[in-house]
């Protein structure tokens, strides 16, 4: 019980495989505060990810208060923090197992069910709409844009209709 709250577990904020200049920050966390390495795409900006060699075996996780998943509130905080750092997607490490698009897609899947269930207030949803966390390309490299500012280009076959679709 006491061991679950003591911060001695090596963990890191940021993308696995990244260096310090790619927004990786090594920390010590408690078992009850860290997330499992399999959950890093939905929480790496809001909760430290435990080092794979320090994850306790499955039978000991509940006693050490290791969370089996990441809550929608943590994922929402992760997306808001990701949108608050403009260079996060531009500095994405090349040796990472997921690209930025796949990581954001995983986060959006985790938040979608909570939004559909009405778990978030309208103010939280509006903040999420205005936060720039969706990866897009502009020809000079990756950057992020807010969901409320995205448009899809209609193909030429739909010429009589609108050219840009919100």
C-alpha atoms as a PDB file:
ATOM      1  CA  UNK A   1       0.000   0.000   0.000  1.00  0.00           C
ATOM      2  CA  UNK A   2       2.707   2.501   0.982  1.00  0.00           C
ATOM      3  CA  UNK A   3       4.946   1.421  -1.901  1.00  0.00           C
ATOM      4  CA  UNK A   4       2.283   2.365  -4.467  1.00  0.00           C
ATOM      5  CA  UNK A   5       2.621   6.075  -3.625  1.00  0.00           C
ATOM      6  CA  UNK A   6       6.415   6.385  -3.417  1.00  0.00           C
ATOM      7  CA  UNK A   7       7.985   7.949  -6.530  1.00  0.00           C
ATOM      8  CA  UNK A   8      10.931   5.671  -7.366  1.00  0.00           C
ATOM      9  CA  UNK A   9       9.899   4.123 -10.702  1.00  0.00           C
ATOM     10  CA  UNK A  10      11.877   5.353 -13.749  1.00  0.00           C
ATOM     11  CA  UNK A  11       9.473   6.900 -16.239  1.00  0.00           C
ATOM     12  CA  UNK A  12       9.374   9.588 -18.890  1.00  0.00           C
ATOM     13  CA  UNK A  13       7.065  12.193 -20.329  1.00  0.00           C
ATOM     14  CA  UNK A  14       7.169  12.342 -24.091  1.00  0.00           C
ATOM     15  CA  UNK A  15       7.487  10.008 -27.051  1.00  0.00           C
ATOM     16  CA  UNK A  16       9.345   6.717 -26.466  1.00  0.00           C
ATOM     17  CA  UNK A  17      12.644   6.602 -28.301  1.00  0.00           C
ATOM     18  CA  UNK A  18      12.925  10.350 -28.317  1.00  0.00           C
ATOM     19  CA  UNK A  19      15.907  12.326 -27.123  1.00  0.00           C
ATOM     20  CA  UNK A  20      15.774  15.322 -24.771  1.00  0.00           C
ATOM     21  CA  UNK A  21      15.416  17.736 -27.686  1.00  0.00           C
ATOM     22  CA  UNK A  22      12.379  15.768 -28.919  1.00  0.00           C
ATOM     23  CA  UNK A  23      10.383  16.590 -25.806  1.00  0.00           C
ATOM     24  CA  UNK A  24      11.437  13.644 -23.666  1.00  0.00           C
ATOM     25  CA  UNK A  25      11.794  14.253 -19.929  1.00  0.00           C
ATOM     26  CA  UNK A  26      12.938  11.494 -17.575  1.00  0.00           C
ATOM     27  CA  UNK A  27      11.273  11.481 -14.151  1.00  0.00           C
ATOM     28  CA  UNK A  28      10.648   9.248 -11.174  1.00  0.00           C
ATOM     29  CA  UNK A  29       7.012   8.420 -10.547  1.00  0.00           C
ATOM     30  CA  UNK A  30       4.946   6.238  -8.266  1.00  0.00           C
ATOM     31  CA  UNK A  31       3.295   3.110  -9.609  1.00  0.00           C
ATOM     32  CA  UNK A  32      -0.077   4.751  -9.034  1.00  0.00           C
ATOM     33  CA  UNK A  33       0.875   7.827 -11.098  1.00  0.00           C
ATOM     34  CA  UNK A  34       2.528   6.271 -14.145  1.00  0.00           C
ATOM     35  CA  UNK A  35       1.012   4.644 -17.190  1.00  0.00           C
ATOM     36  CA  UNK A  36       1.994   1.358 -18.787  1.00  0.00           C
ATOM     37  CA  UNK A  37       4.220   1.456 -21.892  1.00  0.00           C
ATOM     38  CA  UNK A  38       1.343   0.144 -24.023  1.00  0.00           C
ATOM     39  CA  UNK A  39      -0.697   3.264 -23.178  1.00  0.00           C
ATOM     40  CA  UNK A  40       1.877   5.906 -24.148  1.00  0.00           C
ATOM     41  CA  UNK A  41       0.059   7.136 -27.323  1.00  0.00           C
ATOM     42  CA  UNK A  42      -2.937   8.369 -25.300  1.00  0.00           C
ATOM     43  CA  UNK A  43      -1.130   9.903 -22.329  1.00  0.00           C
ATOM     44  CA  UNK A  44       2.527  10.793 -23.011  1.00  0.00           C
ATOM     45  CA  UNK A  45       1.995  14.534 -22.476  1.00  0.00           C
ATOM     46  CA  UNK A  46      -0.170  14.219 -19.334  1.00  0.00           C
ATOM     47  CA  UNK A  47       1.184  11.222 -17.432  1.00  0.00           C
ATOM     48  CA  UNK A  48       4.673   9.675 -17.299  1.00  0.00           C
ATOM     49  CA  UNK A  49       5.158   6.329 -19.031  1.00  0.00           C
ATOM     50  CA  UNK A  50       6.964   3.696 -16.971  1.00  0.00           C
ATOM     51  CA  UNK A  51      10.108   2.173 -18.410  1.00  0.00           C
ATOM     52  CA  UNK A  52       9.295  -1.331 -19.777  1.00  0.00           C
ATOM     53  CA  UNK A  53      11.841  -3.002 -17.508  1.00  0.00           C
ATOM     54  CA  UNK A  54      10.166  -1.477 -14.412  1.00  0.00           C
ATOM     55  CA  UNK A  55       6.593  -2.565 -15.068  1.00  0.00           C
ATOM     56  CA  UNK A  56       5.447  -4.937 -12.323  1.00  0.00           C
ATOM     57  CA  UNK A  57       4.058  -8.366 -13.258  1.00  0.00           C
ATOM     58  CA  UNK A  58       0.328  -8.586 -13.914  1.00  0.00           C
ATOM     59  CA  UNK A  59      -0.462 -10.291 -10.608  1.00  0.00           C
ATOM     60  CA  UNK A  60       1.079  -7.398  -8.600  1.00  0.00           C
ATOM     61  CA  UNK A  61      -0.394  -4.464 -10.513  1.00  0.00           C
ATOM     62  CA  UNK A  62      -3.595  -4.076  -8.526  1.00  0.00           C
ATOM     63  CA  UNK A  63      -1.744  -4.206  -5.201  1.00  0.00           C
ATOM     64  CA  UNK A  64       0.638  -1.496  -6.448  1.00  0.00           C
ATOM     65  CA  UNK A  65      -2.277   0.571  -7.831  1.00  0.00           C
ATOM     66  CA  UNK A  66      -0.996   0.450 -11.422  1.00  0.00           C
ATOM     67  CA  UNK A  67      -3.832   1.610 -13.619  1.00  0.00           C
ATOM     68  CA  UNK A  68      -4.868  -0.881 -16.293  1.00  0.00           C
ATOM     69  CA  UNK A  69      -5.972   1.865 -18.650  1.00  0.00           C
ATOM     70  CA  UNK A  70      -5.964   5.608 -19.135  1.00  0.00           C
ATOM     71  CA  UNK A  71      -9.097   7.576 -18.335  1.00  0.00           C
ATOM     72  CA  UNK A  72     -10.718   9.861 -20.881  1.00  0.00           C
ATOM     73  CA  UNK A  73      -9.910  12.863 -18.654  1.00  0.00           C
ATOM     74  CA  UNK A  74      -6.187  12.035 -18.791  1.00  0.00           C
ATOM     75  CA  UNK A  75      -6.382  11.638 -22.575  1.00  0.00           C
ATOM     76  CA  UNK A  76      -8.194  14.983 -22.839  1.00  0.00           C
ATOM     77  CA  UNK A  77      -5.456  16.606 -20.741  1.00  0.00           C
ATOM     78  CA  UNK A  78      -2.884  14.905 -22.995  1.00  0.00           C
ATOM     79  CA  UNK A  79      -4.438  16.343 -26.177  1.00  0.00           C
ATOM     80  CA  UNK A  80      -4.671  19.823 -24.637  1.00  0.00           C
ATOM     81  CA  UNK A  81      -1.012  19.646 -23.569  1.00  0.00           C
ATOM     82  CA  UNK A  82       0.012  18.358 -27.009  1.00  0.00           C
ATOM     83  CA  UNK A  83      -1.771  21.306 -28.590  1.00  0.00           C
ATOM     84  CA  UNK A  84      -0.026  23.704 -26.220  1.00  0.00           C
ATOM     85  CA  UNK A  85       3.438  22.789 -27.545  1.00  0.00           C
ATOM     86  CA  UNK A  86       3.675  23.994 -31.146  1.00  0.00           C
ATOM     87  CA  UNK A  87       6.826  22.024 -32.005  1.00  0.00           C
ATOM     88  CA  UNK A  88       5.667  18.677 -30.594  1.00  0.00           C
ATOM     89  CA  UNK A  89       4.846  17.058 -33.923  1.00  0.00           C
ATOM     90  CA  UNK A  90       7.712  18.666 -35.800  1.00  0.00           C
ATOM     91  CA  UNK A  91      10.249  17.110 -33.403  1.00  0.00           C
ATOM     92  CA  UNK A  92       8.732  13.612 -33.535  1.00  0.00           C
ATOM     93  CA  UNK A  93      11.555  11.012 -33.362  1.00  0.00           C
ATOM     94  CA  UNK A  94      12.108   8.828 -36.431  1.00  0.00           C
ATOM     95  CA  UNK A  95      12.713   5.674 -34.375  1.00  0.00           C
ATOM     96  CA  UNK A  96       9.289   5.776 -32.723  1.00  0.00           C
ATOM     97  CA  UNK A  97       6.944   2.832 -33.331  1.00  0.00           C
ATOM     98  CA  UNK A  98       4.015   5.133 -34.224  1.00  0.00           C
ATOM     99  CA  UNK A  99       3.938   8.231 -36.354  1.00  0.00           C
ATOM    100  CA  UNK A 100       2.195  11.370 -35.016  1.00  0.00           C
ATOM    101  CA  UNK A 101      -0.972  10.690 -37.016  1.00  0.00           C
ATOM    102  CA  UNK A 102      -1.406   7.218 -35.493  1.00  0.00           C
ATOM    103  CA  UNK A 103      -0.730   8.532 -31.978  1.00  0.00           C
ATOM    104  CA  UNK A 104      -3.320  11.313 -32.296  1.00  0.00           C
ATOM    105  CA  UNK A 105      -5.780   8.857 -33.865  1.00  0.00           C
ATOM    106  CA  UNK A 106      -5.410   6.568 -30.818  1.00  0.00           C
ATOM    107  CA  UNK A 107      -6.051   9.526 -28.506  1.00  0.00           C
ATOM    108  CA  UNK A 108      -9.123  10.608 -30.446  1.00  0.00           C
ATOM    109  CA  UNK A 109     -10.555   7.076 -30.308  1.00  0.00           C
ATOM    110  CA  UNK A 110     -10.086   7.095 -26.545  1.00  0.00           C
ATOM    111  CA  UNK A 111     -11.871  10.451 -26.175  1.00  0.00           C
ATOM    112  CA  UNK A 112     -14.651   9.781 -28.719  1.00  0.00           C
ATOM    113  CA  UNK A 113     -16.571   7.353 -26.522  1.00  0.00           C
ATOM    114  CA  UNK A 114     -16.461   9.740 -23.567  1.00  0.00           C
ATOM    115  CA  UNK A 115     -17.703  12.607 -25.735  1.00  0.00           C
ATOM    116  CA  UNK A 116     -20.533  10.422 -27.070  1.00  0.00           C
ATOM    117  CA  UNK A 117     -21.491   9.445 -23.512  1.00  0.00           C
ATOM    118  CA  UNK A 118     -21.577  13.100 -22.436  1.00  0.00           C
ATOM    119  CA  UNK A 119     -18.711  12.751 -19.945  1.00  0.00           C
ATOM    120  CA  UNK A 120     -17.237  16.137 -20.883  1.00  0.00           C
ATOM    121  CA  UNK A 121     -18.775  19.545 -20.422  1.00  0.00           C
ATOM    122  CA  UNK A 122     -19.505  21.727 -23.425  1.00  0.00           C
ATOM    123  CA  UNK A 123     -16.665  24.039 -22.355  1.00  0.00           C
ATOM    124  CA  UNK A 124     -14.168  21.145 -22.416  1.00  0.00           C
ATOM    125  CA  UNK A 125     -15.359  20.123 -25.882  1.00  0.00           C
ATOM    126  CA  UNK A 126     -15.062  23.707 -27.161  1.00  0.00           C
ATOM    127  CA  UNK A 127     -11.537  23.938 -25.748  1.00  0.00           C
ATOM    128  CA  UNK A 128     -10.642  20.687 -27.493  1.00  0.00           C
ATOM    129  CA  UNK A 129     -12.044  22.002 -30.802  1.00  0.00           C
ATOM    130  CA  UNK A 130      -9.814  25.109 -30.577  1.00  0.00           C
ATOM    131  CA  UNK A 131      -6.618  23.294 -29.514  1.00  0.00           C
ATOM    132  CA  UNK A 132      -4.104  22.599 -32.301  1.00  0.00           C
ATOM    133  CA  UNK A 133      -3.222  18.895 -31.973  1.00  0.00           C
ATOM    134  CA  UNK A 134      -4.263  17.387 -35.338  1.00  0.00           C
ATOM    135  CA  UNK A 135      -1.149  16.730 -37.475  1.00  0.00           C
ATOM    136  CA  UNK A 136      -1.241  18.263 -40.945  1.00  0.00           C
ATOM    137  CA  UNK A 137       1.451  18.996 -43.535  1.00  0.00           C
ATOM    138  CA  UNK A 138       2.071  22.292 -45.270  1.00  0.00           C
ATOM    139  CA  UNK A 139       5.034  21.415 -47.486  1.00  0.00           C
ATOM    140  CA  UNK A 140       7.652  22.679 -45.021  1.00  0.00           C
ATOM    141  CA  UNK A 141       7.156  19.933 -42.431  1.00  0.00           C
ATOM    142  CA  UNK A 142       4.545  18.689 -40.019  1.00  0.00           C
ATOM    143  CA  UNK A 143       2.577  21.043 -37.840  1.00  0.00           C
ATOM    144  CA  UNK A 144      -0.665  20.844 -35.904  1.00  0.00           C
ATOM    145  CA  UNK A 145      -3.980  22.557 -36.414  1.00  0.00           C
ATOM    146  CA  UNK A 146      -7.176  22.777 -34.385  1.00  0.00           C
ATOM    147  CA  UNK A 147     -10.052  20.492 -35.442  1.00  0.00           C
ATOM    148  CA  UNK A 148     -12.361  23.494 -35.868  1.00  0.00           C
ATOM    149  CA  UNK A 149     -10.001  24.958 -38.502  1.00  0.00           C
ATOM    150  CA  UNK A 150      -9.650  21.907 -40.755  1.00  0.00           C
ATOM    151  CA  UNK A 151     -11.108  21.585 -44.238  1.00  0.00           C
ATOM    152  CA  UNK A 152     -11.040  18.716 -46.728  1.00  0.00           C
ATOM    153  CA  UNK A 153     -10.475  19.438 -50.406  1.00  0.00           C
ATOM    154  CA  UNK A 154     -13.204  18.037 -52.628  1.00  0.00           C
ATOM    155  CA  UNK A 155     -11.988  16.079 -55.678  1.00  0.00           C
ATOM    156  CA  UNK A 156     -12.322  17.608 -59.144  1.00  0.00           C
ATOM    157  CA  UNK A 157     -15.203  15.233 -59.914  1.00  0.00           C
ATOM    158  CA  UNK A 158     -17.330  17.214 -57.437  1.00  0.00           C
ATOM    159  CA  UNK A 159     -16.633  20.539 -59.168  1.00  0.00           C
ATOM    160  CA  UNK A 160     -20.181  21.955 -59.075  1.00  0.00           C
ATOM    161  CA  UNK A 161     -20.248  21.468 -55.313  1.00  0.00           C
ATOM    162  CA  UNK A 162     -18.176  23.261 -52.674  1.00  0.00           C
ATOM    163  CA  UNK A 163     -14.420  23.059 -53.186  1.00  0.00           C
ATOM    164  CA  UNK A 164     -13.525  22.954 -49.477  1.00  0.00           C
ATOM    165  CA  UNK A 165     -15.588  21.002 -46.982  1.00  0.00           C
ATOM    166  CA  UNK A 166     -15.390  21.875 -43.258  1.00  0.00           C
END
